[in-house]
Amino acid sequence: MTYDQKQIDDLYLRVRQVLGPEASMTLARARPRLDAFPAALSRAVRAMGSPEKVTDAQVFGALEIAHEVFPVELEVISGLHAQSPRTGQD
Protein backbone atom coordinates (compact mmCIF):
# COMPACT_ATOMS: atom_id res chain seq x y z
CA MET A 1 0.00 0.00 0.00
CA THR A 2 1.22 3.49 -0.81
CA TYR A 3 0.96 6.30 1.72
CA ASP A 4 1.00 10.04 1.26
CA GLN A 5 4.52 11.46 1.76
CA LYS A 6 3.12 13.98 4.26
CA GLN A 7 1.83 11.09 6.39
CA ILE A 8 5.29 9.50 6.37
CA ASP A 9 6.99 12.83 7.16
CA ASP A 10 4.56 13.43 10.04
CA LEU A 11 5.28 9.95 11.39
CA TYR A 12 9.04 10.57 11.39
CA LEU A 13 8.57 13.93 13.11
CA ARG A 14 6.55 12.15 15.79
CA VAL A 15 9.20 9.43 16.00
CA ARG A 16 11.83 12.06 16.78
CA GLN A 17 9.60 13.54 19.49
CA VAL A 18 8.80 10.13 20.99
CA LEU A 19 12.38 8.85 20.97
CA GLY A 20 14.15 12.05 21.88
CA PRO A 21 17.64 13.07 20.78
CA GLU A 22 19.64 10.38 22.62
CA ALA A 23 17.71 7.43 21.22
CA SER A 24 17.67 9.02 17.77
CA MET A 25 21.46 9.32 17.90
CA THR A 26 21.84 5.61 18.68
CA LEU A 27 20.15 4.96 15.34
CA ALA A 28 22.33 7.40 13.45
CA ARG A 29 25.60 6.01 14.86
CA ALA A 30 25.25 2.55 13.34
CA ARG A 31 24.21 1.80 9.77
CA PRO A 32 22.74 -1.67 10.53
CA ARG A 33 20.60 -0.13 13.26
CA LEU A 34 19.61 2.75 11.00
CA ASP A 35 18.53 0.25 8.33
CA ALA A 36 16.59 -1.96 10.76
CA PHE A 37 14.54 0.83 12.33
CA PRO A 38 12.59 1.95 9.25
CA ALA A 39 12.02 -1.68 8.27
CA ALA A 40 10.46 -2.38 11.67
CA LEU A 41 8.52 0.88 11.59
CA SER A 42 7.23 0.02 8.12
CA ARG A 43 5.85 -3.26 9.49
CA ALA A 44 4.03 -1.29 12.18
CA VAL A 45 2.53 1.02 9.54
CA ARG A 46 1.33 -1.98 7.52
CA ALA A 47 -0.08 -3.68 10.63
CA MET A 48 -2.00 -0.55 11.63
CA GLY A 49 -3.08 0.33 8.09
CA SER A 50 -1.85 3.90 8.22
CA PRO A 51 1.15 5.92 9.49
CA GLU A 52 -1.14 8.00 11.75
CA LYS A 53 -2.25 4.90 13.62
CA VAL A 54 1.24 3.78 14.65
CA THR A 55 1.42 3.90 18.45
CA ASP A 56 4.28 5.15 20.60
CA ALA A 57 4.72 1.57 21.80
CA GLN A 58 5.28 0.47 18.21
CA VAL A 59 7.87 3.22 17.73
CA PHE A 60 9.71 1.98 20.83
CA GLY A 61 9.31 -1.57 19.52
CA ALA A 62 10.97 -0.59 16.25
CA LEU A 63 13.82 0.95 18.25
CA GLU A 64 14.14 -2.25 20.28
CA ILE A 65 14.31 -4.34 17.10
CA ALA A 66 16.98 -2.01 15.69
CA HIS A 67 19.00 -2.45 18.87
CA GLU A 68 18.64 -6.23 18.64
CA VAL A 69 19.99 -6.13 15.09
CA PHE A 70 23.03 -4.13 16.15
CA PRO A 71 23.36 -3.83 19.94
CA VAL A 72 25.06 -0.82 21.48
CA GLU A 73 27.58 -3.20 23.07
CA LEU A 74 28.59 -4.44 19.61
CA GLU A 75 28.95 -0.84 18.48
CA VAL A 76 31.33 -0.16 21.38
CA ILE A 77 33.37 -3.31 20.70
CA SER A 78 33.64 -2.60 16.98
CA GLY A 79 34.67 0.98 17.73
CA LEU A 80 37.38 -0.16 20.11
CA HIS A 81 38.61 -2.71 17.57
CA ALA A 82 38.76 -0.08 14.85
CA GLN A 83 40.80 2.20 17.13
CA SER A 84 43.23 -0.45 18.34
CA PRO A 85 46.75 -0.29 16.91
CA ARG A 86 47.60 -2.90 14.32
CA THR A 87 50.51 -5.19 15.23
CA GLY A 88 50.71 -7.06 11.97
CA GLN A 89 49.76 -10.30 13.71
CA ASP A 90 46.01 -10.18 12.81
PDB file of N, CA and C in Angstrom:
ATOM      1  N   MET A   1       0.841  -1.172   0.000  1.00  0.00           N
ATOM      2  CA  MET A   1       0.000   0.000   0.000  1.00  0.00           C
ATOM      3  C   MET A   1       0.890   1.240   0.000  1.00  0.00           C
ATOM      4  N   THR A   2       0.468   2.245  -0.708  1.00  0.00           N
ATOM      5  CA  THR A   2       1.216   3.487  -0.808  1.00  0.00           C
ATOM      6  C   THR A   2       0.587   4.537   0.106  1.00  0.00           C
ATOM      7  N   TYR A   3       1.438   5.269   0.808  1.00  0.00           N
ATOM      8  CA  TYR A   3       0.958   6.299   1.720  1.00  0.00           C
ATOM      9  C   TYR A   3       1.422   7.656   1.234  1.00  0.00           C
ATOM     10  N   ASP A   4       0.680   8.665   1.584  1.00  0.00           N
ATOM     11  CA  ASP A   4       1.002  10.041   1.257  1.00  0.00           C
ATOM     12  C   ASP A   4       2.331  10.409   1.927  1.00  0.00           C
ATOM     13  N   GLN A   5       3.214  11.078   1.218  1.00  0.00           N
ATOM     14  CA  GLN A   5       4.517  11.459   1.764  1.00  0.00           C
ATOM     15  C   GLN A   5       4.377  12.318   3.012  1.00  0.00           C
ATOM     16  N   LYS A   6       3.347  13.150   3.071  1.00  0.00           N
ATOM     17  CA  LYS A   6       3.121  13.979   4.257  1.00  0.00           C
ATOM     18  C   LYS A   6       2.833  13.101   5.472  1.00  0.00           C
ATOM     19  N   GLN A   7       2.108  12.009   5.287  1.00  0.00           N
ATOM     20  CA  GLN A   7       1.833  11.086   6.394  1.00  0.00           C
ATOM     21  C   GLN A   7       3.137  10.481   6.914  1.00  0.00           C
ATOM     22  N   ILE A   8       4.000  10.098   5.998  1.00  0.00           N
ATOM     23  CA  ILE A   8       5.292   9.501   6.375  1.00  0.00           C
ATOM     24  C   ILE A   8       6.156  10.548   7.082  1.00  0.00           C
ATOM     25  N   ASP A   9       6.210  11.754   6.531  1.00  0.00           N
ATOM     26  CA  ASP A   9       6.985  12.833   7.161  1.00  0.00           C
ATOM     27  C   ASP A   9       6.473  13.123   8.565  1.00  0.00           C
ATOM     28  N   ASP A  10       5.150  13.178   8.716  1.00  0.00           N
ATOM     29  CA  ASP A  10       4.556  13.430  10.035  1.00  0.00           C
ATOM     30  C   ASP A  10       4.913  12.317  11.020  1.00  0.00           C
ATOM     31  N   LEU A  11       4.910  11.075  10.525  1.00  0.00           N
ATOM     32  CA  LEU A  11       5.276   9.953  11.385  1.00  0.00           C
ATOM     33  C   LEU A  11       6.715  10.101  11.873  1.00  0.00           C
ATOM     34  N   TYR A  12       7.636  10.442  10.983  1.00  0.00           N
ATOM     35  CA  TYR A  12       9.036  10.566  11.388  1.00  0.00           C
ATOM     36  C   TYR A  12       9.270  11.776  12.305  1.00  0.00           C
ATOM     37  N   LEU A  13       8.482  12.827  12.158  1.00  0.00           N
ATOM     38  CA  LEU A  13       8.567  13.933  13.113  1.00  0.00           C
ATOM     39  C   LEU A  13       8.111  13.465  14.489  1.00  0.00           C
ATOM     40  N   ARG A  14       7.032  12.685  14.511  1.00  0.00           N
ATOM     41  CA  ARG A  14       6.546  12.150  15.786  1.00  0.00           C
ATOM     42  C   ARG A  14       7.539  11.173  16.384  1.00  0.00           C
ATOM     43  N   VAL A  15       8.191  10.374  15.526  1.00  0.00           N
ATOM     44  CA  VAL A  15       9.204   9.426  15.997  1.00  0.00           C
ATOM     45  C   VAL A  15      10.317  10.179  16.720  1.00  0.00           C
ATOM     46  N   ARG A  16      10.769  11.272  16.143  1.00  0.00           N
ATOM     47  CA  ARG A  16      11.827  12.063  16.784  1.00  0.00           C
ATOM     48  C   ARG A  16      11.385  12.599  18.136  1.00  0.00           C
ATOM     49  N   GLN A  17      10.122  13.025  18.216  1.00  0.00           N
ATOM     50  CA  GLN A  17       9.601  13.535  19.488  1.00  0.00           C
ATOM     51  C   GLN A  17       9.478  12.418  20.513  1.00  0.00           C
ATOM     52  N   VAL A  18       9.000  11.264  20.074  1.00  0.00           N
ATOM     53  CA  VAL A  18       8.800  10.134  20.987  1.00  0.00           C
ATOM     54  C   VAL A  18      10.136   9.609  21.497  1.00  0.00           C
ATOM     55  N   LEU A  19      11.097   9.433  20.593  1.00  0.00           N
ATOM     56  CA  LEU A  19      12.377   8.845  20.975  1.00  0.00           C
ATOM     57  C   LEU A  19      13.306   9.823  21.672  1.00  0.00           C
ATOM     58  N   GLY A  20      13.239  11.076  21.307  1.00  0.00           N
ATOM     59  CA  GLY A  20      14.153  12.053  21.876  1.00  0.00           C
ATOM     60  C   GLY A  20      15.507  11.993  21.198  1.00  0.00           C
ATOM     61  N   PRO A  21      16.367  12.964  21.493  1.00  0.00           N
ATOM     62  CA  PRO A  21      17.644  13.069  20.784  1.00  0.00           C
ATOM     63  C   PRO A  21      18.625  11.934  21.067  1.00  0.00           C
ATOM     64  N   GLU A  22      18.676  11.440  22.305  1.00  0.00           N
ATOM     65  CA  GLU A  22      19.642  10.380  22.622  1.00  0.00           C
ATOM     66  C   GLU A  22      19.340   9.092  21.869  1.00  0.00           C
ATOM     67  N   ALA A  23      18.087   8.672  21.913  1.00  0.00           N
ATOM     68  CA  ALA A  23      17.709   7.435  21.216  1.00  0.00           C
ATOM     69  C   ALA A  23      17.864   7.600  19.709  1.00  0.00           C
ATOM     70  N   SER A  24      17.517   8.773  19.210  1.00  0.00           N
ATOM     71  CA  SER A  24      17.674   9.023  17.773  1.00  0.00           C
ATOM     72  C   SER A  24      19.140   8.919  17.354  1.00  0.00           C
ATOM     73  N   MET A  25      20.036   9.393  18.212  1.00  0.00           N
ATOM     74  CA  MET A  25      21.464   9.322  17.895  1.00  0.00           C
ATOM     75  C   MET A  25      21.967   7.882  17.881  1.00  0.00           C
ATOM     76  N   THR A  26      21.392   7.008  18.709  1.00  0.00           N
ATOM     77  CA  THR A  26      21.835   5.613  18.681  1.00  0.00           C
ATOM     78  C   THR A  26      21.515   4.982  17.328  1.00  0.00           C
ATOM     79  N   LEU A  27      20.468   5.456  16.679  1.00  0.00           N
ATOM     80  CA  LEU A  27      20.148   4.957  15.335  1.00  0.00           C
ATOM     81  C   LEU A  27      21.159   5.489  14.327  1.00  0.00           C
ATOM     82  N   ALA A  28      21.460   6.759  14.430  1.00  0.00           N
ATOM     83  CA  ALA A  28      22.332   7.405  13.450  1.00  0.00           C
ATOM     84  C   ALA A  28      23.777   6.917  13.523  1.00  0.00           C
ATOM     85  N   ARG A  29      24.206   6.418  14.693  1.00  0.00           N
ATOM     86  CA  ARG A  29      25.603   6.013  14.861  1.00  0.00           C
ATOM     87  C   ARG A  29      25.944   4.686  14.202  1.00  0.00           C
ATOM     88  N   ALA A  30      24.959   3.880  13.868  1.00  0.00           N
ATOM     89  CA  ALA A  30      25.255   2.546  13.335  1.00  0.00           C
ATOM     90  C   ALA A  30      24.351   2.245  12.147  1.00  0.00           C
ATOM     91  N   ARG A  31      24.969   2.043  11.013  1.00  0.00           N
ATOM     92  CA  ARG A  31      24.212   1.805   9.774  1.00  0.00           C
ATOM     93  C   ARG A  31      23.260   0.605   9.881  1.00  0.00           C
ATOM     94  N   PRO A  32      23.676  -0.545  10.440  1.00  0.00           N
ATOM     95  CA  PRO A  32      22.737  -1.667  10.531  1.00  0.00           C
ATOM     96  C   PRO A  32      21.505  -1.314  11.368  1.00  0.00           C
ATOM     97  N   ARG A  33      21.708  -0.558  12.417  1.00  0.00           N
ATOM     98  CA  ARG A  33      20.601  -0.130  13.261  1.00  0.00           C
ATOM     99  C   ARG A  33      19.716   0.852  12.503  1.00  0.00           C
ATOM    100  N   LEU A  34      20.347   1.754  11.782  1.00  0.00           N
ATOM    101  CA  LEU A  34      19.615   2.749  11.004  1.00  0.00           C
ATOM    102  C   LEU A  34      18.789   2.091   9.903  1.00  0.00           C
ATOM    103  N   ASP A  35      19.275   0.999   9.351  1.00  0.00           N
ATOM    104  CA  ASP A  35      18.526   0.253   8.334  1.00  0.00           C
ATOM    105  C   ASP A  35      17.379  -0.552   8.943  1.00  0.00           C
ATOM    106  N   ALA A  36      17.594  -1.095  10.122  1.00  0.00           N
ATOM    107  CA  ALA A  36      16.592  -1.958  10.756  1.00  0.00           C
ATOM    108  C   ALA A  36      15.393  -1.162  11.276  1.00  0.00           C
ATOM    109  N   PHE A  37      15.632   0.049  11.740  1.00  0.00           N
ATOM    110  CA  PHE A  37      14.543   0.832  12.330  1.00  0.00           C
ATOM    111  C   PHE A  37      13.420   1.121  11.342  1.00  0.00           C
ATOM    112  N   PRO A  38      13.698   1.677  10.165  1.00  0.00           N
ATOM    113  CA  PRO A  38      12.586   1.952   9.249  1.00  0.00           C
ATOM    114  C   PRO A  38      11.895   0.672   8.753  1.00  0.00           C
ATOM    115  N   ALA A  39      12.648  -0.422   8.666  1.00  0.00           N
ATOM    116  CA  ALA A  39      12.017  -1.684   8.266  1.00  0.00           C
ATOM    117  C   ALA A  39      11.002  -2.120   9.323  1.00  0.00           C
ATOM    118  N   ALA A  40      11.378  -2.016  10.585  1.00  0.00           N
ATOM    119  CA  ALA A  40      10.461  -2.379  11.667  1.00  0.00           C
ATOM    120  C   ALA A  40       9.299  -1.391  11.745  1.00  0.00           C
ATOM    121  N   LEU A  41       9.574  -0.127  11.565  1.00  0.00           N
ATOM    122  CA  LEU A  41       8.519   0.882  11.593  1.00  0.00           C
ATOM    123  C   LEU A  41       7.552   0.680  10.431  1.00  0.00           C
ATOM    124  N   SER A  42       8.066   0.297   9.286  1.00  0.00           N
ATOM    125  CA  SER A  42       7.230   0.019   8.119  1.00  0.00           C
ATOM    126  C   SER A  42       6.260  -1.126   8.397  1.00  0.00           C
ATOM    127  N   ARG A  43       6.738  -2.150   9.109  1.00  0.00           N
ATOM    128  CA  ARG A  43       5.849  -3.257   9.489  1.00  0.00           C
ATOM    129  C   ARG A  43       4.732  -2.775  10.402  1.00  0.00           C
ATOM    130  N   ALA A  44       5.053  -1.850  11.289  1.00  0.00           N
ATOM    131  CA  ALA A  44       4.029  -1.287  12.176  1.00  0.00           C
ATOM    132  C   ALA A  44       2.989  -0.512  11.371  1.00  0.00           C
ATOM    133  N   VAL A  45       3.456   0.256  10.391  1.00  0.00           N
ATOM    134  CA  VAL A  45       2.533   1.019   9.543  1.00  0.00           C
ATOM    135  C   VAL A  45       1.596   0.059   8.808  1.00  0.00           C
ATOM    136  N   ARG A  46       2.162  -1.005   8.234  1.00  0.00           N
ATOM    137  CA  ARG A  46       1.325  -1.983   7.525  1.00  0.00           C
ATOM    138  C   ARG A  46       0.348  -2.668   8.464  1.00  0.00           C
ATOM    139  N   ALA A  47       0.793  -2.994   9.661  1.00  0.00           N
ATOM    140  CA  ALA A  47      -0.076  -3.678  10.627  1.00  0.00           C
ATOM    141  C   ALA A  47      -1.241  -2.777  11.050  1.00  0.00           C
ATOM    142  N   MET A  48      -0.970  -1.491  11.179  1.00  0.00           N
ATOM    143  CA  MET A  48      -2.004  -0.555  11.632  1.00  0.00           C
ATOM    144  C   MET A  48      -2.843  -0.008  10.479  1.00  0.00           C
ATOM    145  N   GLY A  49      -2.335  -0.130   9.255  1.00  0.00           N
ATOM    146  CA  GLY A  49      -3.081   0.326   8.087  1.00  0.00           C
ATOM    147  C   GLY A  49      -2.850   1.767   7.699  1.00  0.00           C
ATOM    148  N   SER A  50      -2.090   2.498   8.509  1.00  0.00           N
ATOM    149  CA  SER A  50      -1.847   3.902   8.223  1.00  0.00           C
ATOM    150  C   SER A  50      -0.738   4.428   9.145  1.00  0.00           C
ATOM    151  N   PRO A  51       0.090   5.343   8.638  1.00  0.00           N
ATOM    152  CA  PRO A  51       1.146   5.917   9.487  1.00  0.00           C
ATOM    153  C   PRO A  51       0.603   6.642  10.726  1.00  0.00           C
ATOM    154  N   GLU A  52      -0.580   7.266  10.611  1.00  0.00           N
ATOM    155  CA  GLU A  52      -1.138   8.004  11.749  1.00  0.00           C
ATOM    156  C   GLU A  52      -1.540   7.093  12.895  1.00  0.00           C
ATOM    157  N   LYS A  53      -1.771   5.830  12.597  1.00  0.00           N
ATOM    158  CA  LYS A  53      -2.255   4.899  13.619  1.00  0.00           C
ATOM    159  C   LYS A  53      -1.138   4.175  14.372  1.00  0.00           C
ATOM    160  N   VAL A  54       0.103   4.402  13.968  1.00  0.00           N
ATOM    161  CA  VAL A  54       1.240   3.781  14.651  1.00  0.00           C
ATOM    162  C   VAL A  54       1.330   4.356  16.065  1.00  0.00           C
ATOM    163  N   THR A  55       1.395   3.467  17.044  1.00  0.00           N
ATOM    164  CA  THR A  55       1.425   3.901  18.445  1.00  0.00           C
ATOM    165  C   THR A  55       2.855   4.187  18.898  1.00  0.00           C
ATOM    166  N   ASP A  56       2.964   4.897  20.012  1.00  0.00           N
ATOM    167  CA  ASP A  56       4.277   5.153  20.603  1.00  0.00           C
ATOM    168  C   ASP A  56       4.951   3.838  20.966  1.00  0.00           C
ATOM    169  N   ALA A  57       4.161   2.882  21.447  1.00  0.00           N
ATOM    170  CA  ALA A  57       4.719   1.569  21.798  1.00  0.00           C
ATOM    171  C   ALA A  57       5.332   0.890  20.580  1.00  0.00           C
ATOM    172  N   GLN A  58       4.725   1.060  19.423  1.00  0.00           N
ATOM    173  CA  GLN A  58       5.283   0.474  18.206  1.00  0.00           C
ATOM    174  C   GLN A  58       6.565   1.189  17.783  1.00  0.00           C
ATOM    175  N   VAL A  59       6.640   2.480  18.023  1.00  0.00           N
ATOM    176  CA  VAL A  59       7.875   3.224  17.734  1.00  0.00           C
ATOM    177  C   VAL A  59       9.000   2.697  18.624  1.00  0.00           C
ATOM    178  N   PHE A  60       8.702   2.528  19.913  1.00  0.00           N
ATOM    179  CA  PHE A  60       9.709   1.976  20.826  1.00  0.00           C
ATOM    180  C   PHE A  60      10.045   0.529  20.460  1.00  0.00           C
ATOM    181  N   GLY A  61       9.057  -0.205  19.972  1.00  0.00           N
ATOM    182  CA  GLY A  61       9.306  -1.574  19.521  1.00  0.00           C
ATOM    183  C   GLY A  61      10.243  -1.612  18.330  1.00  0.00           C
ATOM    184  N   ALA A  62      10.073  -0.676  17.410  1.00  0.00           N
ATOM    185  CA  ALA A  62      10.972  -0.590  16.255  1.00  0.00           C
ATOM    186  C   ALA A  62      12.392  -0.256  16.702  1.00  0.00           C
ATOM    187  N   LEU A  63      12.505   0.616  17.698  1.00  0.00           N
ATOM    188  CA  LEU A  63      13.820   0.946  18.249  1.00  0.00           C
ATOM    189  C   LEU A  63      14.445  -0.292  18.900  1.00  0.00           C
ATOM    190  N   GLU A  64      13.637  -1.041  19.627  1.00  0.00           N
ATOM    191  CA  GLU A  64      14.141  -2.254  20.277  1.00  0.00           C
ATOM    192  C   GLU A  64      14.637  -3.269  19.247  1.00  0.00           C
ATOM    193  N   ILE A  65      13.888  -3.423  18.168  1.00  0.00           N
ATOM    194  CA  ILE A  65      14.312  -4.338  17.100  1.00  0.00           C
ATOM    195  C   ILE A  65      15.629  -3.861  16.497  1.00  0.00           C
ATOM    196  N   ALA A  66      15.736  -2.566  16.250  1.00  0.00           N
ATOM    197  CA  ALA A  66      16.981  -2.014  15.691  1.00  0.00           C
ATOM    198  C   ALA A  66      18.159  -2.280  16.609  1.00  0.00           C
ATOM    199  N   HIS A  67      17.928  -2.193  17.909  1.00  0.00           N
ATOM    200  CA  HIS A  67      19.001  -2.453  18.872  1.00  0.00           C
ATOM    201  C   HIS A  67      19.313  -3.949  18.976  1.00  0.00           C
ATOM    202  N   GLU A  68      18.353  -4.797  18.668  1.00  0.00           N
ATOM    203  CA  GLU A  68      18.636  -6.229  18.640  1.00  0.00           C
ATOM    204  C   GLU A  68      19.473  -6.587  17.415  1.00  0.00           C
ATOM    205  N   VAL A  69      19.222  -5.893  16.311  1.00  0.00           N
ATOM    206  CA  VAL A  69      19.987  -6.132  15.086  1.00  0.00           C
ATOM    207  C   VAL A  69      21.443  -5.744  15.279  1.00  0.00           C
ATOM    208  N   PHE A  70      21.672  -4.610  15.914  1.00  0.00           N
ATOM    209  CA  PHE A  70      23.033  -4.131  16.147  1.00  0.00           C
ATOM    210  C   PHE A  70      23.095  -3.511  17.540  1.00  0.00           C
ATOM    211  N   PRO A  71      23.354  -4.330  18.566  1.00  0.00           N
ATOM    212  CA  PRO A  71      23.356  -3.832  19.945  1.00  0.00           C
ATOM    213  C   PRO A  71      24.408  -2.750  20.174  1.00  0.00           C
ATOM    214  N   VAL A  72      24.133  -1.883  21.118  1.00  0.00           N
ATOM    215  CA  VAL A  72      25.059  -0.816  21.477  1.00  0.00           C
ATOM    216  C   VAL A  72      26.395  -1.412  21.912  1.00  0.00           C
ATOM    217  N   GLU A  73      26.346  -2.552  22.622  1.00  0.00           N
ATOM    218  CA  GLU A  73      27.584  -3.202  23.066  1.00  0.00           C
ATOM    219  C   GLU A  73      28.465  -3.587  21.876  1.00  0.00           C
ATOM    220  N   LEU A  74      27.832  -4.076  20.813  1.00  0.00           N
ATOM    221  CA  LEU A  74      28.588  -4.435  19.612  1.00  0.00           C
ATOM    222  C   LEU A  74      29.184  -3.191  18.968  1.00  0.00           C
ATOM    223  N   GLU A  75      28.447  -2.102  19.016  1.00  0.00           N
ATOM    224  CA  GLU A  75      28.954  -0.837  18.484  1.00  0.00           C
ATOM    225  C   GLU A  75      30.210  -0.406  19.241  1.00  0.00           C
ATOM    226  N   VAL A  76      30.177  -0.536  20.554  1.00  0.00           N
ATOM    227  CA  VAL A  76      31.330  -0.158  21.379  1.00  0.00           C
ATOM    228  C   VAL A  76      32.521  -1.056  21.060  1.00  0.00           C
ATOM    229  N   ILE A  77      32.283  -2.359  20.996  1.00  0.00           N
ATOM    230  CA  ILE A  77      33.369  -3.310  20.703  1.00  0.00           C
ATOM    231  C   ILE A  77      33.966  -3.049  19.330  1.00  0.00           C
ATOM    232  N   SER A  78      33.110  -2.841  18.327  1.00  0.00           N
ATOM    233  CA  SER A  78      33.640  -2.604  16.982  1.00  0.00           C
ATOM    234  C   SER A  78      34.405  -1.287  16.921  1.00  0.00           C
ATOM    235  N   GLY A  79      33.953  -0.288  17.677  1.00  0.00           N
ATOM    236  CA  GLY A  79      34.674   0.985  17.728  1.00  0.00           C
ATOM    237  C   GLY A  79      36.033   0.838  18.374  1.00  0.00           C
ATOM    238  N   LEU A  80      36.090   0.072  19.445  1.00  0.00           N
ATOM    239  CA  LEU A  80      37.377  -0.163  20.108  1.00  0.00           C
ATOM    240  C   LEU A  80      38.323  -0.944  19.200  1.00  0.00           C
ATOM    241  N   HIS A  81      37.781  -1.924  18.487  1.00  0.00           N
ATOM    242  CA  HIS A  81      38.611  -2.714  17.573  1.00  0.00           C
ATOM    243  C   HIS A  81      39.157  -1.838  16.448  1.00  0.00           C
ATOM    244  N   ALA A  82      38.320  -0.961  15.940  1.00  0.00           N
ATOM    245  CA  ALA A  82      38.761  -0.078  14.854  1.00  0.00           C
ATOM    246  C   ALA A  82      39.842   0.896  15.319  1.00  0.00           C
ATOM    247  N   GLN A  83      39.825   1.239  16.600  1.00  0.00           N
ATOM    248  CA  GLN A  83      40.798   2.198  17.129  1.00  0.00           C
ATOM    249  C   GLN A  83      42.081   1.535  17.624  1.00  0.00           C
ATOM    250  N   SER A  84      42.056   0.212  17.773  1.00  0.00           N
ATOM    251  CA  SER A  84      43.228  -0.451  18.336  1.00  0.00           C
ATOM    252  C   SER A  84      44.387  -0.451  17.319  1.00  0.00           C
ATOM    253  N   PRO A  85      45.590  -0.304  17.819  1.00  0.00           N
ATOM    254  CA  PRO A  85      46.753  -0.290  16.912  1.00  0.00           C
ATOM    255  C   PRO A  85      46.947  -1.671  16.279  1.00  0.00           C
ATOM    256  N   ARG A  86      47.352  -1.666  15.067  1.00  0.00           N
ATOM    257  CA  ARG A  86      47.601  -2.903  14.323  1.00  0.00           C
ATOM    258  C   ARG A  86      49.043  -3.380  14.604  1.00  0.00           C
ATOM    259  N   THR A  87      49.169  -4.649  14.925  1.00  0.00           N
ATOM    260  CA  THR A  87      50.512  -5.188  15.225  1.00  0.00           C
ATOM    261  C   THR A  87      51.065  -6.002  14.073  1.00  0.00           C
ATOM    262  N   GLY A  88      50.246  -6.244  13.088  1.00  0.00           N
ATOM    263  CA  GLY A  88      50.708  -7.064  11.970  1.00  0.00           C
ATOM    264  C   GLY A  88      50.529  -8.554  12.243  1.00  0.00           C
ATOM    265  N   GLN A  89      49.958  -8.893  13.362  1.00  0.00           N
ATOM    266  CA  GLN A  89      49.756 -10.302  13.706  1.00  0.00           C
ATOM    267  C   GLN A  89      48.286 -10.688  13.610  1.00  0.00           C
ATOM    268  N   ASP A  90      47.448  -9.893  12.947  1.00  0.00           N
ATOM    269  CA  ASP A  90      46.006 -10.178  12.810  1.00  0.00           C
ATOM    270  C   ASP A  90      45.755 -11.346  11.904  1.00  0.00           C
TER     271      ASP A  90
END
